[in-house]
N, C-alpha and C. Protein backbone atom coordinates (compact mmCIF):
# COMPACT_ATOMS: atom_id res chain seq x y z
N MET A 1 -6.90 8.13 4.71
CA MET A 1 -7.32 7.51 5.95
C MET A 1 -6.40 7.94 7.09
N VAL A 2 -6.97 8.20 8.25
CA VAL A 2 -6.20 8.57 9.44
C VAL A 2 -5.68 7.28 10.06
N LYS A 3 -4.36 7.28 10.34
CA LYS A 3 -3.71 6.10 10.90
C LYS A 3 -3.11 6.44 12.26
N PHE A 4 -3.17 5.48 13.19
CA PHE A 4 -2.69 5.70 14.55
C PHE A 4 -1.65 4.68 14.96
N LEU A 5 -0.75 5.13 15.85
CA LEU A 5 0.17 4.26 16.56
C LEU A 5 -0.15 4.44 18.04
N VAL A 6 -0.64 3.40 18.69
CA VAL A 6 -1.02 3.45 20.10
C VAL A 6 0.19 3.07 20.94
N ASP A 7 0.55 3.93 21.88
CA ASP A 7 1.74 3.73 22.71
C ASP A 7 1.49 2.65 23.77
N ALA A 8 2.59 2.14 24.34
CA ALA A 8 2.54 1.05 25.32
C ALA A 8 1.82 1.44 26.60
N ASN A 9 1.72 2.72 26.90
CA ASN A 9 1.08 3.15 28.14
C ASN A 9 -0.44 3.26 28.01
N LEU A 10 -0.98 2.79 26.91
CA LEU A 10 -2.42 2.72 26.71
C LEU A 10 -2.80 1.26 26.47
N PRO A 11 -4.01 0.88 26.84
CA PRO A 11 -4.40 -0.52 26.69
C PRO A 11 -4.46 -0.96 25.23
N TYR A 12 -4.19 -2.23 25.04
CA TYR A 12 -4.27 -2.80 23.70
C TYR A 12 -5.69 -2.65 23.14
N SER A 13 -6.67 -2.65 24.03
CA SER A 13 -8.05 -2.51 23.59
C SER A 13 -8.33 -1.14 22.96
N SER A 14 -7.48 -0.15 23.23
CA SER A 14 -7.64 1.17 22.57
C SER A 14 -7.41 1.03 21.08
N LYS A 15 -6.46 0.19 20.71
CA LYS A 15 -6.22 -0.08 19.28
C LYS A 15 -7.47 -0.71 18.67
N MET A 16 -8.05 -1.66 19.37
CA MET A 16 -9.23 -2.35 18.85
C MET A 16 -10.41 -1.38 18.72
N LEU A 17 -10.54 -0.46 19.67
CA LEU A 17 -11.59 0.56 19.59
C LEU A 17 -11.42 1.42 18.35
N LEU A 18 -10.20 1.88 18.11
CA LEU A 18 -9.93 2.72 16.93
C LEU A 18 -10.27 1.98 15.65
N LYS A 19 -9.92 0.71 15.59
CA LYS A 19 -10.25 -0.09 14.40
C LYS A 19 -11.76 -0.21 14.23
N LYS A 20 -12.47 -0.40 15.35
CA LYS A 20 -13.94 -0.49 15.30
C LYS A 20 -14.55 0.81 14.78
N LEU A 21 -13.90 1.93 15.07
CA LEU A 21 -14.39 3.24 14.62
C LEU A 21 -13.97 3.54 13.18
N GLY A 22 -13.26 2.61 12.54
CA GLY A 22 -12.91 2.77 11.13
C GLY A 22 -11.52 3.32 10.86
N PHE A 23 -10.68 3.37 11.87
CA PHE A 23 -9.32 3.87 11.70
C PHE A 23 -8.34 2.71 11.47
N ASP A 24 -7.24 3.02 10.85
CA ASP A 24 -6.12 2.10 10.74
C ASP A 24 -5.29 2.31 12.00
N ALA A 25 -5.19 1.30 12.84
CA ALA A 25 -4.47 1.47 14.11
C ALA A 25 -3.60 0.27 14.39
N VAL A 26 -2.40 0.54 14.91
CA VAL A 26 -1.51 -0.51 15.39
C VAL A 26 -1.04 -0.09 16.78
N HIS A 27 -0.75 -1.08 17.58
CA HIS A 27 -0.20 -0.85 18.92
C HIS A 27 1.30 -1.06 18.83
N VAL A 28 2.07 -0.37 19.66
CA VAL A 28 3.53 -0.52 19.60
C VAL A 28 3.94 -1.98 19.80
N ARG A 29 3.15 -2.76 20.54
CA ARG A 29 3.45 -4.20 20.70
C ARG A 29 3.41 -4.93 19.36
N ASP A 30 2.52 -4.50 18.47
CA ASP A 30 2.38 -5.16 17.17
C ASP A 30 3.64 -5.02 16.33
N VAL A 31 4.37 -3.95 16.53
CA VAL A 31 5.55 -3.65 15.69
C VAL A 31 6.84 -3.69 16.51
N LYS A 32 6.79 -4.39 17.65
CA LYS A 32 7.98 -4.63 18.49
C LYS A 32 8.63 -3.34 18.99
N LEU A 33 7.81 -2.33 19.31
CA LEU A 33 8.32 -1.06 19.84
C LEU A 33 7.85 -0.80 21.27
N ASN A 34 7.35 -1.83 21.93
CA ASN A 34 6.78 -1.61 23.26
C ASN A 34 7.79 -1.15 24.30
N THR A 35 9.08 -1.38 24.09
CA THR A 35 10.10 -0.88 25.03
C THR A 35 11.00 0.16 24.37
N ALA A 36 10.59 0.66 23.23
CA ALA A 36 11.42 1.61 22.47
C ALA A 36 11.39 3.00 23.10
N SER A 37 12.40 3.77 22.79
CA SER A 37 12.48 5.16 23.25
C SER A 37 11.43 6.01 22.51
N ASP A 38 11.15 7.17 23.08
CA ASP A 38 10.22 8.11 22.43
C ASP A 38 10.69 8.44 21.02
N GLU A 39 11.99 8.61 20.85
CA GLU A 39 12.53 8.98 19.54
C GLU A 39 12.28 7.88 18.51
N LYS A 40 12.46 6.61 18.90
CA LYS A 40 12.20 5.51 17.96
C LYS A 40 10.73 5.42 17.62
N ILE A 41 9.88 5.59 18.62
CA ILE A 41 8.44 5.57 18.38
C ILE A 41 8.05 6.72 17.45
N PHE A 42 8.59 7.89 17.71
CA PHE A 42 8.30 9.06 16.88
C PHE A 42 8.74 8.83 15.44
N ARG A 43 9.97 8.35 15.25
CA ARG A 43 10.47 8.11 13.88
C ARG A 43 9.62 7.08 13.15
N TYR A 44 9.25 6.01 13.83
CA TYR A 44 8.40 4.99 13.21
C TYR A 44 7.07 5.61 12.77
N ALA A 45 6.44 6.36 13.66
CA ALA A 45 5.15 6.98 13.34
C ALA A 45 5.27 7.90 12.13
N GLN A 46 6.35 8.65 12.04
CA GLN A 46 6.54 9.57 10.92
C GLN A 46 6.71 8.80 9.61
N ARG A 47 7.53 7.76 9.65
CA ARG A 47 7.75 6.94 8.44
C ARG A 47 6.46 6.29 7.96
N GLN A 48 5.62 5.88 8.89
CA GLN A 48 4.40 5.17 8.54
C GLN A 48 3.19 6.10 8.37
N GLY A 49 3.37 7.39 8.61
CA GLY A 49 2.26 8.34 8.47
C GLY A 49 1.20 8.16 9.55
N ARG A 50 1.63 7.86 10.77
CA ARG A 50 0.70 7.58 11.86
C ARG A 50 0.71 8.67 12.93
N ILE A 51 -0.45 8.94 13.47
CA ILE A 51 -0.61 9.84 14.60
C ILE A 51 -0.33 9.03 15.86
N ILE A 52 0.49 9.56 16.74
CA ILE A 52 0.82 8.89 17.99
C ILE A 52 -0.28 9.17 19.01
N LEU A 53 -0.77 8.11 19.65
CA LEU A 53 -1.73 8.22 20.74
C LEU A 53 -1.04 7.70 21.99
N THR A 54 -0.90 8.55 23.00
CA THR A 54 -0.08 8.21 24.16
C THR A 54 -0.58 8.88 25.43
N ARG A 55 -0.04 8.44 26.56
CA ARG A 55 -0.22 9.13 27.83
C ARG A 55 1.08 9.82 28.23
N ASP A 56 2.13 9.61 27.49
CA ASP A 56 3.47 10.12 27.80
C ASP A 56 3.50 11.63 27.60
N LEU A 57 3.59 12.37 28.69
CA LEU A 57 3.58 13.83 28.61
C LEU A 57 4.81 14.40 27.91
N ASP A 58 5.87 13.60 27.76
CA ASP A 58 7.04 14.07 27.01
C ASP A 58 6.66 14.42 25.57
N PHE A 59 5.68 13.72 25.01
CA PHE A 59 5.25 14.01 23.65
C PHE A 59 4.48 15.32 23.55
N ALA A 60 4.11 15.91 24.69
CA ALA A 60 3.40 17.19 24.69
C ALA A 60 4.36 18.37 24.58
N ALA A 61 5.65 18.11 24.57
CA ALA A 61 6.65 19.19 24.49
C ALA A 61 6.65 19.74 23.07
N ALA A 62 5.93 20.84 22.89
CA ALA A 62 5.77 21.43 21.55
C ALA A 62 7.08 21.94 20.98
N ILE A 63 8.06 22.22 21.82
CA ILE A 63 9.36 22.66 21.31
C ILE A 63 10.08 21.50 20.63
N LYS A 64 10.00 20.32 21.23
CA LYS A 64 10.66 19.14 20.67
C LYS A 64 9.84 18.52 19.54
N PHE A 65 8.52 18.44 19.74
CA PHE A 65 7.62 17.84 18.75
C PHE A 65 6.68 18.93 18.25
N ARG A 66 7.20 19.77 17.36
CA ARG A 66 6.47 20.95 16.89
C ARG A 66 5.25 20.59 16.05
N PRO A 67 4.07 21.08 16.46
CA PRO A 67 2.88 20.87 15.63
C PRO A 67 3.13 21.38 14.21
N GLY A 68 2.62 20.66 13.26
CA GLY A 68 2.83 21.00 11.86
C GLY A 68 4.06 20.35 11.27
N LYS A 69 4.94 19.86 12.12
CA LYS A 69 6.19 19.23 11.67
C LYS A 69 6.16 17.72 11.87
N HIS A 70 5.02 17.18 12.24
CA HIS A 70 4.87 15.73 12.43
C HIS A 70 3.48 15.31 11.99
N GLN A 71 3.23 14.02 11.98
CA GLN A 71 1.94 13.49 11.52
C GLN A 71 0.80 13.82 12.47
N GLY A 72 1.12 13.99 13.75
CA GLY A 72 0.12 14.29 14.76
C GLY A 72 0.43 13.53 16.04
N ILE A 73 0.07 14.14 17.16
CA ILE A 73 0.25 13.51 18.47
C ILE A 73 -0.98 13.83 19.32
N ILE A 74 -1.53 12.80 19.93
CA ILE A 74 -2.61 12.97 20.89
C ILE A 74 -2.10 12.46 22.23
N VAL A 75 -2.05 13.35 23.21
CA VAL A 75 -1.62 12.99 24.56
C VAL A 75 -2.85 12.95 25.45
N MET A 76 -3.13 11.77 25.99
CA MET A 76 -4.25 11.63 26.92
C MET A 76 -3.75 11.98 28.31
N ARG A 77 -4.23 13.07 28.83
CA ARG A 77 -3.83 13.54 30.16
C ARG A 77 -4.90 13.09 31.15
N ILE A 78 -4.74 11.85 31.60
CA ILE A 78 -5.73 11.21 32.46
C ILE A 78 -5.02 10.44 33.57
N SER A 79 -5.77 10.08 34.58
CA SER A 79 -5.22 9.37 35.73
C SER A 79 -4.74 7.97 35.33
N TYR A 80 -3.63 7.57 35.94
CA TYR A 80 -3.13 6.21 35.72
C TYR A 80 -3.95 5.19 36.49
N LEU A 81 -4.92 5.63 37.28
CA LEU A 81 -5.80 4.72 38.01
C LEU A 81 -7.03 4.33 37.20
N MET A 82 -7.18 4.94 36.03
CA MET A 82 -8.35 4.64 35.19
C MET A 82 -8.25 3.25 34.59
N THR A 83 -9.40 2.63 34.45
CA THR A 83 -9.46 1.31 33.82
C THR A 83 -9.42 1.46 32.30
N ALA A 84 -9.16 0.35 31.63
CA ALA A 84 -9.18 0.36 30.16
C ALA A 84 -10.54 0.80 29.65
N GLN A 85 -11.59 0.37 30.31
CA GLN A 85 -12.94 0.75 29.89
C GLN A 85 -13.15 2.26 30.01
N GLN A 86 -12.67 2.86 31.08
CA GLN A 86 -12.79 4.31 31.26
C GLN A 86 -11.97 5.06 30.21
N ILE A 87 -10.75 4.61 29.98
CA ILE A 87 -9.88 5.23 28.98
C ILE A 87 -10.54 5.17 27.61
N ASN A 88 -11.04 4.01 27.26
CA ASN A 88 -11.64 3.85 25.94
C ASN A 88 -12.94 4.64 25.81
N GLY A 89 -13.64 4.85 26.91
CA GLY A 89 -14.84 5.69 26.87
C GLY A 89 -14.49 7.14 26.52
N ILE A 90 -13.44 7.65 27.15
CA ILE A 90 -12.98 9.02 26.85
C ILE A 90 -12.50 9.10 25.41
N LEU A 91 -11.74 8.12 24.99
CA LEU A 91 -11.21 8.10 23.62
C LEU A 91 -12.33 8.01 22.59
N GLU A 92 -13.29 7.14 22.83
CA GLU A 92 -14.39 7.00 21.87
C GLU A 92 -15.21 8.28 21.77
N ASP A 93 -15.52 8.89 22.89
CA ASP A 93 -16.27 10.14 22.87
C ASP A 93 -15.52 11.21 22.06
N PHE A 94 -14.23 11.31 22.29
CA PHE A 94 -13.41 12.28 21.56
C PHE A 94 -13.40 11.98 20.06
N MET A 95 -13.14 10.74 19.70
CA MET A 95 -13.02 10.38 18.29
C MET A 95 -14.34 10.55 17.54
N ARG A 96 -15.43 10.36 18.22
CA ARG A 96 -16.73 10.52 17.56
C ARG A 96 -17.11 11.99 17.38
N ASN A 97 -16.46 12.89 18.11
CA ASN A 97 -16.86 14.30 18.08
C ASN A 97 -15.83 15.25 17.50
N VAL A 98 -14.66 14.79 17.17
CA VAL A 98 -13.63 15.67 16.62
C VAL A 98 -13.54 15.46 15.10
N SER A 99 -13.24 16.52 14.40
CA SER A 99 -13.01 16.42 12.97
C SER A 99 -11.69 15.69 12.72
N ARG A 100 -11.74 14.65 11.93
CA ARG A 100 -10.52 13.88 11.63
C ARG A 100 -9.45 14.75 11.00
N ALA A 101 -9.86 15.70 10.20
CA ALA A 101 -8.91 16.59 9.53
C ALA A 101 -8.11 17.41 10.53
N LYS A 102 -8.72 17.74 11.67
CA LYS A 102 -8.03 18.54 12.68
C LYS A 102 -6.89 17.77 13.35
N LEU A 103 -6.93 16.47 13.32
CA LEU A 103 -5.94 15.66 14.03
C LEU A 103 -4.58 15.63 13.33
N LYS A 104 -4.61 15.72 12.01
CA LYS A 104 -3.36 15.61 11.26
C LYS A 104 -2.46 16.82 11.53
N LYS A 105 -1.21 16.52 11.85
CA LYS A 105 -0.16 17.51 12.09
C LYS A 105 -0.43 18.40 13.30
N SER A 106 -1.30 17.94 14.21
CA SER A 106 -1.66 18.70 15.40
C SER A 106 -1.13 18.04 16.66
N LEU A 107 -1.01 18.84 17.70
CA LEU A 107 -0.78 18.34 19.05
C LEU A 107 -2.09 18.50 19.78
N VAL A 108 -2.63 17.40 20.28
CA VAL A 108 -3.89 17.41 21.01
C VAL A 108 -3.63 16.94 22.44
N ILE A 109 -4.09 17.71 23.39
CA ILE A 109 -4.06 17.29 24.79
C ILE A 109 -5.51 16.93 25.14
N LEU A 110 -5.73 15.66 25.39
CA LEU A 110 -7.08 15.14 25.64
C LEU A 110 -7.25 14.87 27.13
N GLU A 111 -8.26 15.49 27.71
CA GLU A 111 -8.61 15.29 29.11
C GLU A 111 -10.06 14.83 29.18
N ILE A 112 -10.52 14.54 30.37
CA ILE A 112 -11.90 14.11 30.54
C ILE A 112 -12.83 15.26 30.14
N GLY A 113 -13.64 15.03 29.11
CA GLY A 113 -14.65 16.00 28.70
C GLY A 113 -14.16 17.20 27.92
N ARG A 114 -12.85 17.28 27.64
CA ARG A 114 -12.37 18.43 26.86
C ARG A 114 -11.03 18.09 26.22
N TYR A 115 -10.68 18.94 25.25
CA TYR A 115 -9.36 18.79 24.62
C TYR A 115 -8.87 20.15 24.17
N ARG A 116 -7.56 20.24 24.05
CA ARG A 116 -6.90 21.44 23.49
C ARG A 116 -6.14 20.98 22.27
N LEU A 117 -6.23 21.74 21.21
CA LEU A 117 -5.60 21.38 19.96
C LEU A 117 -4.68 22.51 19.53
N ARG A 118 -3.46 22.16 19.17
CA ARG A 118 -2.50 23.16 18.71
C ARG A 118 -1.97 22.77 17.34
N ARG A 119 -2.07 23.72 16.44
CA ARG A 119 -1.52 23.55 15.08
C ARG A 119 -0.64 24.75 14.77
N ASP A 120 0.42 24.53 14.04
CA ASP A 120 1.25 25.65 13.59
C ASP A 120 1.19 25.78 12.09
């Protein structure tokens, strides 16, 4: 099963959407990591076998977070003016159309209507 850790910069409802789609998902608030550093969030996700879902562009640094060397990272590159409903619409469309197998150990940059996926 694909498991996710939803970062604090995404709405709590994104976790609920992922669960509705059949994924195992937790939000950083659920595990008391809502104010944690990127490194703590990353270590937790690795220990728990979870793909990080975030808006934090620091996680897109492939040199620091090398694809193939982690469980997976999805960076949503979207406006901070978007509503939770708009964010979840983009996320749901992506999750319904991407192969789950492609997400593991990949770096995904998700934008409106498209995504880039990097695997090593």
